[in-house]
Amino acid sequence: MKKSCSAEKLDRKTVERNRRIHMKGLCLKLASIVPPQRFKPSKDVPSQQDLLDHAAIYIKQLKERIEELQRRKELELKNIATNNSSNDIMMLGPRLPVVELRDTGSGIEVLLISGLKKNFLLYKAIRIVEEEGAEIVSASFSTVADKVFHTLHAQVKVSRVGADTSNMYQRLQELVYLD
C-alpha cells in the first residue's frame, strides 16, 4: 500500500511539474507575439502576471479596432448600396491619400493609403519614421482595387526619449500630399 501511495504522489508531482513547464512555455509564446509595453523602470523583466495583463489589454484594443473597422466597412457598403451610378461609387470612401499613425507606447504603427495614380516611394516614409526616433521592425504593402496600402511597424529607439509622433505625422502627410 505504501508503494502505491508514494508512486501516486510522484505521479502528481510529475504531472504538476509538467503543467507548470507547459504554462511557462505558453506564457513565453504569448509574450513573443504581443508587442512590448513600457514597463516601470524598476522592472527589468516583467512578471508573468504583467505579461498576461498586457496581453489582455492588447487583445481588447485589437477587438475594439476590428469592431471600428467593421462599422466603417458596413457604413461604406450601405453608402454604396444607396448609390447606383458607378461614378458615385468611385467617389465614396476616404479621400486619398490617407495617413494614420498609432502610438502603442514603445511601438508605432503607420498606415498610408494612396491611389495607384498618386503613389509615393515607401523608402521616403521609412526614412521619416527613422529620423523621428523609431526603428522599422516591418514594412509591407498591398494593392486592393485602385488603392495601395502601406503598413509600417516601428519600435521606439530610446524608450526614455520616445519618438516625435506629431512631427512624424506632419512630415508623412507632407510626403503623401506633396510627393
N, C-alpha and C. Protein backbone atom coordinates (compact mmCIF):
# COMPACT_ATOMS: atom_id res chain seq x y z
N MET A 1 0.83 -1.19 0.00
CA MET A 1 0.00 0.00 0.00
C MET A 1 0.87 1.25 0.00
N LYS A 2 2.00 1.22 0.70
CA LYS A 2 2.87 2.39 0.77
C LYS A 2 3.48 2.69 -0.59
N LYS A 3 3.83 1.67 -1.34
CA LYS A 3 4.42 1.89 -2.65
C LYS A 3 3.43 2.59 -3.58
N SER A 4 2.18 2.20 -3.57
CA SER A 4 1.20 2.81 -4.48
C SER A 4 0.94 4.27 -4.08
N CYS A 5 0.97 4.57 -2.78
CA CYS A 5 0.77 5.94 -2.31
C CYS A 5 1.92 6.83 -2.76
N SER A 6 3.16 6.36 -2.58
CA SER A 6 4.31 7.18 -2.98
C SER A 6 4.40 7.29 -4.50
N ALA A 7 4.02 6.23 -5.21
CA ALA A 7 4.01 6.29 -6.67
C ALA A 7 2.96 7.29 -7.14
N GLU A 8 1.83 7.30 -6.47
CA GLU A 8 0.76 8.23 -6.83
C GLU A 8 1.22 9.67 -6.56
N LYS A 9 1.93 9.89 -5.42
CA LYS A 9 2.45 11.21 -5.10
C LYS A 9 3.46 11.65 -6.15
N LEU A 10 4.34 10.73 -6.54
CA LEU A 10 5.34 11.02 -7.55
C LEU A 10 4.68 11.38 -8.87
N ASP A 11 3.64 10.64 -9.24
CA ASP A 11 2.92 10.93 -10.48
C ASP A 11 2.28 12.31 -10.42
N ARG A 12 1.69 12.67 -9.28
CA ARG A 12 1.09 14.00 -9.13
C ARG A 12 2.13 15.09 -9.26
N LYS A 13 3.29 14.88 -8.63
CA LYS A 13 4.37 15.86 -8.72
C LYS A 13 4.83 16.01 -10.17
N THR A 14 4.97 14.90 -10.86
CA THR A 14 5.41 14.94 -12.26
C THR A 14 4.37 15.65 -13.12
N VAL A 15 3.11 15.33 -12.91
CA VAL A 15 2.04 15.96 -13.68
C VAL A 15 2.03 17.47 -13.40
N GLU A 16 2.16 17.86 -12.15
CA GLU A 16 2.16 19.28 -11.79
C GLU A 16 3.37 20.00 -12.37
N ARG A 17 4.55 19.36 -12.29
CA ARG A 17 5.75 19.96 -12.87
C ARG A 17 5.58 20.14 -14.38
N ASN A 18 5.07 19.14 -15.05
CA ASN A 18 4.84 19.23 -16.50
C ASN A 18 3.82 20.32 -16.83
N ARG A 19 2.80 20.46 -16.00
CA ARG A 19 1.80 21.51 -16.22
C ARG A 19 2.43 22.89 -16.10
N ARG A 20 3.27 23.07 -15.07
CA ARG A 20 3.94 24.36 -14.88
C ARG A 20 4.88 24.67 -16.05
N ILE A 21 5.61 23.68 -16.51
CA ILE A 21 6.51 23.87 -17.65
C ILE A 21 5.70 24.25 -18.89
N HIS A 22 4.60 23.56 -19.10
CA HIS A 22 3.73 23.85 -20.25
C HIS A 22 3.17 25.28 -20.17
N MET A 23 2.70 25.68 -18.98
CA MET A 23 2.15 27.03 -18.81
C MET A 23 3.23 28.09 -19.02
N LYS A 24 4.44 27.84 -18.53
CA LYS A 24 5.54 28.79 -18.72
C LYS A 24 5.84 28.94 -20.21
N GLY A 25 5.84 27.83 -20.93
CA GLY A 25 6.07 27.88 -22.38
C GLY A 25 4.99 28.67 -23.10
N LEU A 26 3.74 28.48 -22.68
CA LEU A 26 2.64 29.24 -23.30
C LEU A 26 2.76 30.73 -23.00
N CYS A 27 3.16 31.07 -21.76
CA CYS A 27 3.34 32.50 -21.41
C CYS A 27 4.47 33.11 -22.24
N LEU A 28 5.55 32.39 -22.43
CA LEU A 28 6.65 32.90 -23.25
C LEU A 28 6.22 33.09 -24.70
N LYS A 29 5.43 32.16 -25.21
CA LYS A 29 4.93 32.28 -26.59
C LYS A 29 4.01 33.50 -26.70
N LEU A 30 3.14 33.70 -25.72
CA LEU A 30 2.26 34.87 -25.71
C LEU A 30 3.07 36.16 -25.65
N ALA A 31 4.09 36.19 -24.81
CA ALA A 31 4.93 37.38 -24.70
C ALA A 31 5.64 37.68 -26.01
N SER A 32 5.96 36.66 -26.78
CA SER A 32 6.69 36.88 -28.03
C SER A 32 5.80 37.45 -29.14
N ILE A 33 4.49 37.26 -29.05
CA ILE A 33 3.62 37.75 -30.13
C ILE A 33 2.88 39.04 -29.77
N VAL A 34 2.92 39.43 -28.50
CA VAL A 34 2.28 40.69 -28.08
C VAL A 34 3.36 41.76 -28.04
N PRO A 35 3.11 42.94 -28.67
CA PRO A 35 4.14 43.98 -28.66
C PRO A 35 4.50 44.39 -27.24
N PRO A 36 5.78 44.68 -27.01
CA PRO A 36 6.19 45.04 -25.66
C PRO A 36 5.58 46.38 -25.23
N GLN A 37 5.35 46.50 -23.97
CA GLN A 37 4.76 47.72 -23.40
C GLN A 37 5.82 48.36 -22.52
N ARG A 38 5.66 49.64 -22.27
CA ARG A 38 6.60 50.31 -21.37
C ARG A 38 6.32 49.86 -19.95
N PHE A 39 7.23 49.09 -19.40
CA PHE A 39 7.09 48.67 -18.02
C PHE A 39 7.79 49.69 -17.13
N LYS A 40 7.45 49.66 -15.88
CA LYS A 40 8.07 50.59 -14.94
C LYS A 40 9.59 50.37 -14.95
N PRO A 41 10.35 51.47 -14.86
CA PRO A 41 11.81 51.35 -14.93
C PRO A 41 12.40 50.39 -13.88
N SER A 42 11.73 50.20 -12.77
CA SER A 42 12.28 49.34 -11.73
C SER A 42 12.22 47.86 -12.12
N LYS A 43 11.40 47.56 -13.10
CA LYS A 43 11.26 46.16 -13.52
C LYS A 43 12.07 45.92 -14.78
N ASP A 44 13.10 45.10 -14.67
CA ASP A 44 13.88 44.75 -15.85
C ASP A 44 13.16 43.67 -16.64
N VAL A 45 12.66 42.67 -15.94
CA VAL A 45 11.95 41.57 -16.58
C VAL A 45 10.52 41.55 -16.03
N PRO A 46 9.52 41.75 -16.90
CA PRO A 46 8.15 41.75 -16.41
C PRO A 46 7.73 40.37 -15.91
N SER A 47 6.87 40.36 -14.91
CA SER A 47 6.40 39.09 -14.37
C SER A 47 5.38 38.48 -15.32
N GLN A 48 5.07 37.21 -15.11
CA GLN A 48 4.06 36.54 -15.94
C GLN A 48 2.72 37.24 -15.80
N GLN A 49 2.40 37.71 -14.60
CA GLN A 49 1.14 38.43 -14.39
C GLN A 49 1.11 39.71 -15.23
N ASP A 50 2.24 40.45 -15.25
CA ASP A 50 2.33 41.67 -16.06
C ASP A 50 2.13 41.34 -17.54
N LEU A 51 2.78 40.26 -17.99
CA LEU A 51 2.64 39.86 -19.40
C LEU A 51 1.20 39.49 -19.73
N LEU A 52 0.54 38.78 -18.85
CA LEU A 52 -0.86 38.39 -19.08
C LEU A 52 -1.77 39.61 -19.08
N ASP A 53 -1.53 40.54 -18.15
CA ASP A 53 -2.33 41.77 -18.11
C ASP A 53 -2.15 42.56 -19.40
N HIS A 54 -0.90 42.70 -19.85
CA HIS A 54 -0.62 43.43 -21.08
C HIS A 54 -1.28 42.75 -22.28
N ALA A 55 -1.21 41.43 -22.33
CA ALA A 55 -1.83 40.69 -23.43
C ALA A 55 -3.34 40.91 -23.44
N ALA A 56 -3.96 40.92 -22.27
CA ALA A 56 -5.41 41.13 -22.19
C ALA A 56 -5.77 42.52 -22.70
N ILE A 57 -4.99 43.53 -22.32
CA ILE A 57 -5.24 44.90 -22.78
C ILE A 57 -5.05 44.98 -24.29
N TYR A 58 -3.99 44.36 -24.79
CA TYR A 58 -3.70 44.39 -26.23
C TYR A 58 -4.81 43.71 -27.02
N ILE A 59 -5.29 42.58 -26.55
CA ILE A 59 -6.37 41.86 -27.24
C ILE A 59 -7.64 42.71 -27.24
N LYS A 60 -7.92 43.38 -26.13
CA LYS A 60 -9.09 44.26 -26.06
C LYS A 60 -8.97 45.40 -27.07
N GLN A 61 -7.78 45.99 -27.18
CA GLN A 61 -7.56 47.07 -28.15
C GLN A 61 -7.75 46.56 -29.58
N LEU A 62 -7.23 45.37 -29.87
CA LEU A 62 -7.40 44.80 -31.21
C LEU A 62 -8.87 44.54 -31.51
N LYS A 63 -9.61 44.04 -30.51
CA LYS A 63 -11.04 43.77 -30.70
C LYS A 63 -11.79 45.06 -31.00
N GLU A 64 -11.47 46.13 -30.25
CA GLU A 64 -12.12 47.43 -30.49
C GLU A 64 -11.78 47.95 -31.88
N ARG A 65 -10.54 47.77 -32.32
CA ARG A 65 -10.12 48.22 -33.65
C ARG A 65 -10.88 47.44 -34.73
N ILE A 66 -11.03 46.14 -34.55
CA ILE A 66 -11.77 45.32 -35.51
C ILE A 66 -13.22 45.78 -35.59
N GLU A 67 -13.84 46.02 -34.42
CA GLU A 67 -15.23 46.48 -34.41
C GLU A 67 -15.37 47.83 -35.11
N GLU A 68 -14.41 48.73 -34.88
CA GLU A 68 -14.43 50.04 -35.53
C GLU A 68 -14.32 49.89 -37.05
N LEU A 69 -13.42 49.04 -37.50
CA LEU A 69 -13.25 48.83 -38.94
C LEU A 69 -14.47 48.17 -39.56
N GLN A 70 -15.10 47.25 -38.83
CA GLN A 70 -16.32 46.62 -39.34
C GLN A 70 -17.44 47.64 -39.47
N ARG A 71 -17.56 48.55 -38.49
CA ARG A 71 -18.58 49.60 -38.58
C ARG A 71 -18.34 50.50 -39.79
N ARG A 72 -17.07 50.87 -40.00
CA ARG A 72 -16.75 51.70 -41.15
C ARG A 72 -17.07 50.99 -42.46
N LYS A 73 -16.74 49.71 -42.52
CA LYS A 73 -16.99 48.93 -43.73
C LYS A 73 -18.49 48.83 -44.00
N GLU A 74 -19.26 48.55 -42.95
CA GLU A 74 -20.72 48.47 -43.11
C GLU A 74 -21.29 49.80 -43.58
N LEU A 75 -20.79 50.90 -43.03
CA LEU A 75 -21.25 52.22 -43.44
C LEU A 75 -20.92 52.48 -44.91
N GLU A 76 -19.72 52.13 -45.33
CA GLU A 76 -19.34 52.31 -46.73
C GLU A 76 -20.20 51.44 -47.64
N LEU A 77 -20.44 50.20 -47.24
CA LEU A 77 -21.28 49.30 -48.06
C LEU A 77 -22.70 49.84 -48.15
N LYS A 78 -23.19 50.39 -47.04
CA LYS A 78 -24.52 50.98 -47.04
C LYS A 78 -24.59 52.16 -48.00
N ASN A 79 -23.55 52.99 -47.97
CA ASN A 79 -23.48 54.14 -48.88
C ASN A 79 -23.41 53.70 -50.33
N ILE A 80 -22.64 52.65 -50.59
CA ILE A 80 -22.53 52.14 -51.96
C ILE A 80 -23.87 51.59 -52.43
N ALA A 81 -24.58 50.91 -51.54
CA ALA A 81 -25.87 50.32 -51.92
C ALA A 81 -26.89 51.40 -52.26
N THR A 82 -26.80 52.57 -51.64
CA THR A 82 -27.77 53.63 -51.92
C THR A 82 -27.47 54.37 -53.21
N ASN A 83 -26.24 54.25 -53.72
CA ASN A 83 -25.87 54.92 -54.97
C ASN A 83 -25.78 53.89 -56.08
N ASN A 84 -26.41 54.16 -57.20
CA ASN A 84 -26.42 53.22 -58.31
C ASN A 84 -25.37 53.53 -59.36
N SER A 85 -25.01 54.77 -59.51
CA SER A 85 -24.08 55.18 -60.55
C SER A 85 -22.66 54.76 -60.19
N SER A 86 -21.91 54.25 -61.16
CA SER A 86 -20.53 53.82 -60.90
C SER A 86 -19.65 55.02 -60.58
N ASN A 87 -19.96 56.19 -61.14
CA ASN A 87 -19.19 57.38 -60.81
C ASN A 87 -19.38 57.76 -59.35
N ASP A 88 -20.59 57.63 -58.83
CA ASP A 88 -20.85 57.93 -57.42
C ASP A 88 -20.10 56.96 -56.52
N ILE A 89 -20.03 55.70 -56.92
CA ILE A 89 -19.36 54.68 -56.11
C ILE A 89 -17.87 54.99 -55.99
N MET A 90 -17.27 55.46 -57.08
CA MET A 90 -15.84 55.76 -57.05
C MET A 90 -15.51 56.92 -56.10
N MET A 91 -16.47 57.81 -55.85
CA MET A 91 -16.22 58.97 -55.01
C MET A 91 -16.40 58.68 -53.52
N LEU A 92 -16.95 57.51 -53.18
CA LEU A 92 -17.18 57.18 -51.78
C LEU A 92 -15.90 56.74 -51.10
N GLY A 93 -15.94 56.65 -49.79
CA GLY A 93 -14.80 56.19 -49.02
C GLY A 93 -13.90 57.35 -48.65
N PRO A 94 -12.83 57.05 -47.98
CA PRO A 94 -11.95 58.12 -47.52
C PRO A 94 -11.24 58.77 -48.70
N ARG A 95 -11.00 60.05 -48.58
CA ARG A 95 -10.25 60.77 -49.59
C ARG A 95 -8.81 60.26 -49.56
N LEU A 96 -8.25 60.07 -50.72
CA LEU A 96 -6.87 59.59 -50.80
C LEU A 96 -5.94 60.77 -51.00
N PRO A 97 -4.78 60.71 -50.50
CA PRO A 97 -4.17 59.69 -49.65
C PRO A 97 -4.62 59.82 -48.19
N VAL A 98 -4.40 58.74 -47.43
CA VAL A 98 -4.75 58.71 -46.01
C VAL A 98 -3.48 58.40 -45.21
N VAL A 99 -3.32 59.11 -44.10
CA VAL A 99 -2.19 58.87 -43.20
C VAL A 99 -2.78 58.60 -41.81
N GLU A 100 -2.48 57.43 -41.25
CA GLU A 100 -2.89 57.11 -39.89
C GLU A 100 -1.64 56.71 -39.12
N LEU A 101 -1.52 57.22 -37.91
CA LEU A 101 -0.38 56.91 -37.07
C LEU A 101 -0.91 56.52 -35.69
N ARG A 102 -0.52 55.36 -35.21
CA ARG A 102 -0.98 54.89 -33.91
C ARG A 102 0.24 54.63 -33.03
N ASP A 103 0.31 55.33 -31.89
CA ASP A 103 1.40 55.17 -30.93
C ASP A 103 0.96 54.15 -29.90
N THR A 104 1.68 53.03 -29.79
CA THR A 104 1.31 51.97 -28.86
C THR A 104 2.26 51.90 -27.67
N GLY A 105 2.85 53.02 -27.31
CA GLY A 105 3.80 53.03 -26.20
C GLY A 105 5.20 52.97 -26.76
N SER A 106 5.80 51.78 -26.78
CA SER A 106 7.15 51.65 -27.32
C SER A 106 7.12 51.30 -28.80
N GLY A 107 5.92 51.16 -29.35
CA GLY A 107 5.79 50.84 -30.77
C GLY A 107 4.93 51.86 -31.49
N ILE A 108 5.12 51.94 -32.80
CA ILE A 108 4.35 52.86 -33.63
C ILE A 108 3.88 52.10 -34.86
N GLU A 109 2.61 52.29 -35.21
CA GLU A 109 2.07 51.68 -36.42
C GLU A 109 1.66 52.80 -37.36
N VAL A 110 2.13 52.75 -38.58
CA VAL A 110 1.82 53.77 -39.58
C VAL A 110 1.08 53.10 -40.73
N LEU A 111 -0.08 53.66 -41.09
CA LEU A 111 -0.85 53.17 -42.22
C LEU A 111 -0.96 54.30 -43.23
N LEU A 112 -0.51 54.04 -44.44
CA LEU A 112 -0.57 55.02 -45.52
C LEU A 112 -1.37 54.40 -46.66
N ILE A 113 -2.41 55.09 -47.11
CA ILE A 113 -3.23 54.59 -48.22
C ILE A 113 -3.14 55.61 -49.34
N SER A 114 -2.79 55.15 -50.51
CA SER A 114 -2.72 56.03 -51.67
C SER A 114 -3.38 55.35 -52.86
N GLY A 115 -3.60 56.12 -53.90
CA GLY A 115 -4.16 55.57 -55.13
C GLY A 115 -3.04 55.07 -56.03
N LEU A 116 -3.43 54.28 -57.03
CA LEU A 116 -2.43 53.77 -57.96
C LEU A 116 -1.80 54.90 -58.77
N LYS A 117 -2.60 55.91 -59.10
CA LYS A 117 -2.09 57.02 -59.91
C LYS A 117 -1.26 57.99 -59.08
N LYS A 118 -1.61 58.16 -57.82
CA LYS A 118 -0.88 59.06 -56.92
C LYS A 118 -0.19 58.20 -55.86
N ASN A 119 1.00 57.72 -56.17
CA ASN A 119 1.73 56.86 -55.25
C ASN A 119 3.01 57.57 -54.83
N PHE A 120 3.68 57.11 -53.82
CA PHE A 120 4.91 57.70 -53.33
C PHE A 120 5.90 56.58 -53.07
N LEU A 121 7.14 56.94 -52.84
CA LEU A 121 8.17 55.94 -52.60
C LEU A 121 8.20 55.58 -51.12
N LEU A 122 8.07 54.29 -50.85
CA LEU A 122 7.99 53.80 -49.47
C LEU A 122 9.25 54.11 -48.68
N TYR A 123 10.39 54.09 -49.32
CA TYR A 123 11.64 54.33 -48.58
C TYR A 123 11.66 55.73 -47.97
N LYS A 124 10.95 56.69 -48.58
CA LYS A 124 10.90 58.03 -48.02
C LYS A 124 10.10 58.04 -46.71
N ALA A 125 9.02 57.28 -46.66
CA ALA A 125 8.23 57.17 -45.43
C ALA A 125 9.06 56.49 -44.34
N ILE A 126 9.81 55.46 -44.70
CA ILE A 126 10.66 54.75 -43.74
C ILE A 126 11.71 55.71 -43.19
N ARG A 127 12.30 56.52 -44.05
CA ARG A 127 13.32 57.48 -43.62
C ARG A 127 12.73 58.46 -42.61
N ILE A 128 11.52 58.95 -42.86
CA ILE A 128 10.88 59.91 -41.95
C ILE A 128 10.67 59.28 -40.57
N VAL A 129 10.14 58.06 -40.55
CA VAL A 129 9.89 57.37 -39.28
C VAL A 129 11.20 57.20 -38.51
N GLU A 130 12.27 56.81 -39.20
CA GLU A 130 13.55 56.59 -38.52
C GLU A 130 14.17 57.90 -38.06
N GLU A 131 14.03 58.97 -38.85
CA GLU A 131 14.59 60.26 -38.45
C GLU A 131 13.89 60.83 -37.22
N GLU A 132 12.65 60.42 -36.98
CA GLU A 132 11.89 60.92 -35.84
C GLU A 132 12.03 60.05 -34.60
N GLY A 133 12.97 59.10 -34.59
CA GLY A 133 13.29 58.36 -33.38
C GLY A 133 12.75 56.96 -33.26
N ALA A 134 12.35 56.35 -34.37
CA ALA A 134 11.84 54.98 -34.32
C ALA A 134 12.62 54.12 -35.30
N GLU A 135 12.64 52.83 -35.03
CA GLU A 135 13.34 51.88 -35.88
C GLU A 135 12.30 50.95 -36.52
N ILE A 136 12.33 50.82 -37.83
CA ILE A 136 11.35 50.00 -38.55
C ILE A 136 11.58 48.53 -38.19
N VAL A 137 10.49 47.87 -37.78
CA VAL A 137 10.52 46.45 -37.48
C VAL A 137 10.03 45.65 -38.68
N SER A 138 8.96 46.16 -39.32
CA SER A 138 8.45 45.51 -40.52
C SER A 138 7.76 46.54 -41.40
N ALA A 139 7.76 46.27 -42.68
CA ALA A 139 7.09 47.14 -43.65
C ALA A 139 6.44 46.25 -44.69
N SER A 140 5.22 46.60 -45.06
CA SER A 140 4.53 45.81 -46.08
C SER A 140 3.60 46.71 -46.88
N PHE A 141 3.20 46.21 -48.03
CA PHE A 141 2.22 46.93 -48.81
C PHE A 141 1.35 45.93 -49.54
N SER A 142 0.16 46.36 -49.88
CA SER A 142 -0.73 45.53 -50.68
C SER A 142 -1.58 46.44 -51.54
N THR A 143 -2.02 45.91 -52.65
CA THR A 143 -2.85 46.67 -53.58
C THR A 143 -4.22 46.01 -53.64
N VAL A 144 -5.25 46.82 -53.40
CA VAL A 144 -6.62 46.36 -53.48
C VAL A 144 -7.37 47.33 -54.38
N ALA A 145 -7.88 46.80 -55.48
CA ALA A 145 -8.57 47.62 -56.49
C ALA A 145 -7.64 48.76 -56.90
N ASP A 146 -8.03 50.00 -56.67
CA ASP A 146 -7.21 51.14 -57.08
C ASP A 146 -6.50 51.80 -55.91
N LYS A 147 -6.35 51.08 -54.80
CA LYS A 147 -5.72 51.63 -53.61
C LYS A 147 -4.48 50.82 -53.25
N VAL A 148 -3.46 51.53 -52.76
CA VAL A 148 -2.24 50.88 -52.28
C VAL A 148 -2.14 51.14 -50.77
N PHE A 149 -2.05 50.08 -50.00
CA PHE A 149 -1.98 50.16 -48.54
C PHE A 149 -0.54 49.86 -48.11
N HIS A 150 0.09 50.82 -47.43
CA HIS A 150 1.43 50.64 -46.89
C HIS A 150 1.29 50.58 -45.36
N THR A 151 1.91 49.58 -44.75
CA THR A 151 1.88 49.46 -43.29
C THR A 151 3.31 49.36 -42.79
N LEU A 152 3.63 50.23 -41.83
CA LEU A 152 4.95 50.22 -41.21
C LEU A 152 4.78 49.96 -39.71
N HIS A 153 5.56 49.06 -39.18
CA HIS A 153 5.60 48.82 -37.74
C HIS A 153 7.00 49.21 -37.28
N ALA A 154 7.04 50.08 -36.28
CA ALA A 154 8.32 50.57 -35.78
C ALA A 154 8.36 50.48 -34.28
N GLN A 155 9.58 50.49 -33.76
CA GLN A 155 9.81 50.45 -32.33
C GLN A 155 10.62 51.69 -31.95
N VAL A 156 10.27 52.30 -30.84
CA VAL A 156 10.99 53.48 -30.39
C VAL A 156 12.43 53.09 -30.07
N LYS A 157 13.39 53.87 -30.60
CA LYS A 157 14.81 53.54 -30.40
C LYS A 157 15.22 53.71 -28.94
N VAL A 158 14.87 54.84 -28.34
CA VAL A 158 15.22 55.12 -26.94
C VAL A 158 13.92 55.34 -26.18
N SER A 159 13.55 54.38 -25.34
CA SER A 159 12.23 54.43 -24.69
C SER A 159 12.07 55.64 -23.78
N ARG A 160 13.15 56.12 -23.15
CA ARG A 160 13.04 57.29 -22.28
C ARG A 160 12.71 58.54 -23.07
N VAL A 161 13.29 58.65 -24.25
CA VAL A 161 13.10 59.84 -25.08
C VAL A 161 11.81 59.72 -25.90
N GLY A 162 11.55 58.54 -26.43
CA GLY A 162 10.37 58.32 -27.26
C GLY A 162 10.61 58.82 -28.67
N ALA A 163 9.53 58.86 -29.43
CA ALA A 163 9.58 59.35 -30.81
C ALA A 163 8.65 60.54 -30.93
N ASP A 164 9.00 61.46 -31.80
CA ASP A 164 8.18 62.65 -32.01
C ASP A 164 7.07 62.32 -33.01
N THR A 165 5.98 61.76 -32.50
CA THR A 165 4.91 61.30 -33.39
C THR A 165 4.17 62.44 -34.06
N SER A 166 4.06 63.60 -33.41
CA SER A 166 3.34 64.70 -34.04
C SER A 166 4.12 65.23 -35.24
N ASN A 167 5.43 65.38 -35.09
CA ASN A 167 6.26 65.81 -36.21
C ASN A 167 6.30 64.73 -37.29
N MET A 168 6.35 63.45 -36.87
CA MET A 168 6.36 62.34 -37.80
C MET A 168 5.08 62.36 -38.65
N TYR A 169 3.94 62.55 -37.98
CA TYR A 169 2.65 62.58 -38.68
C TYR A 169 2.62 63.73 -39.70
N GLN A 170 3.07 64.90 -39.28
CA GLN A 170 3.08 66.07 -40.16
C GLN A 170 3.97 65.81 -41.39
N ARG A 171 5.15 65.27 -41.17
CA ARG A 171 6.07 65.01 -42.28
C ARG A 171 5.53 63.94 -43.22
N LEU A 172 4.85 62.92 -42.67
CA LEU A 172 4.27 61.88 -43.52
C LEU A 172 3.14 62.46 -44.37
N GLN A 173 2.35 63.35 -43.79
CA GLN A 173 1.29 63.99 -44.56
C GLN A 173 1.88 64.81 -45.70
N GLU A 174 2.93 65.55 -45.42
CA GLU A 174 3.59 66.33 -46.47
C GLU A 174 4.10 65.41 -47.57
N LEU A 175 4.63 64.25 -47.18
CA LEU A 175 5.16 63.31 -48.16
C LEU A 175 4.07 62.81 -49.10
N VAL A 176 2.96 62.36 -48.52
CA VAL A 176 1.93 61.75 -49.38
C VAL A 176 1.11 62.78 -50.14
N TYR A 177 0.98 64.00 -49.62
CA TYR A 177 0.19 65.01 -50.31
C TYR A 177 1.02 65.80 -51.33
N LEU A 178 2.31 65.99 -51.05
CA LEU A 178 3.11 66.83 -51.93
C LEU A 178 3.95 66.03 -52.91
N ASP A 179 4.28 64.80 -52.56
CA ASP A 179 5.16 63.99 -53.41
C ASP A 179 4.52 63.64 -54.72
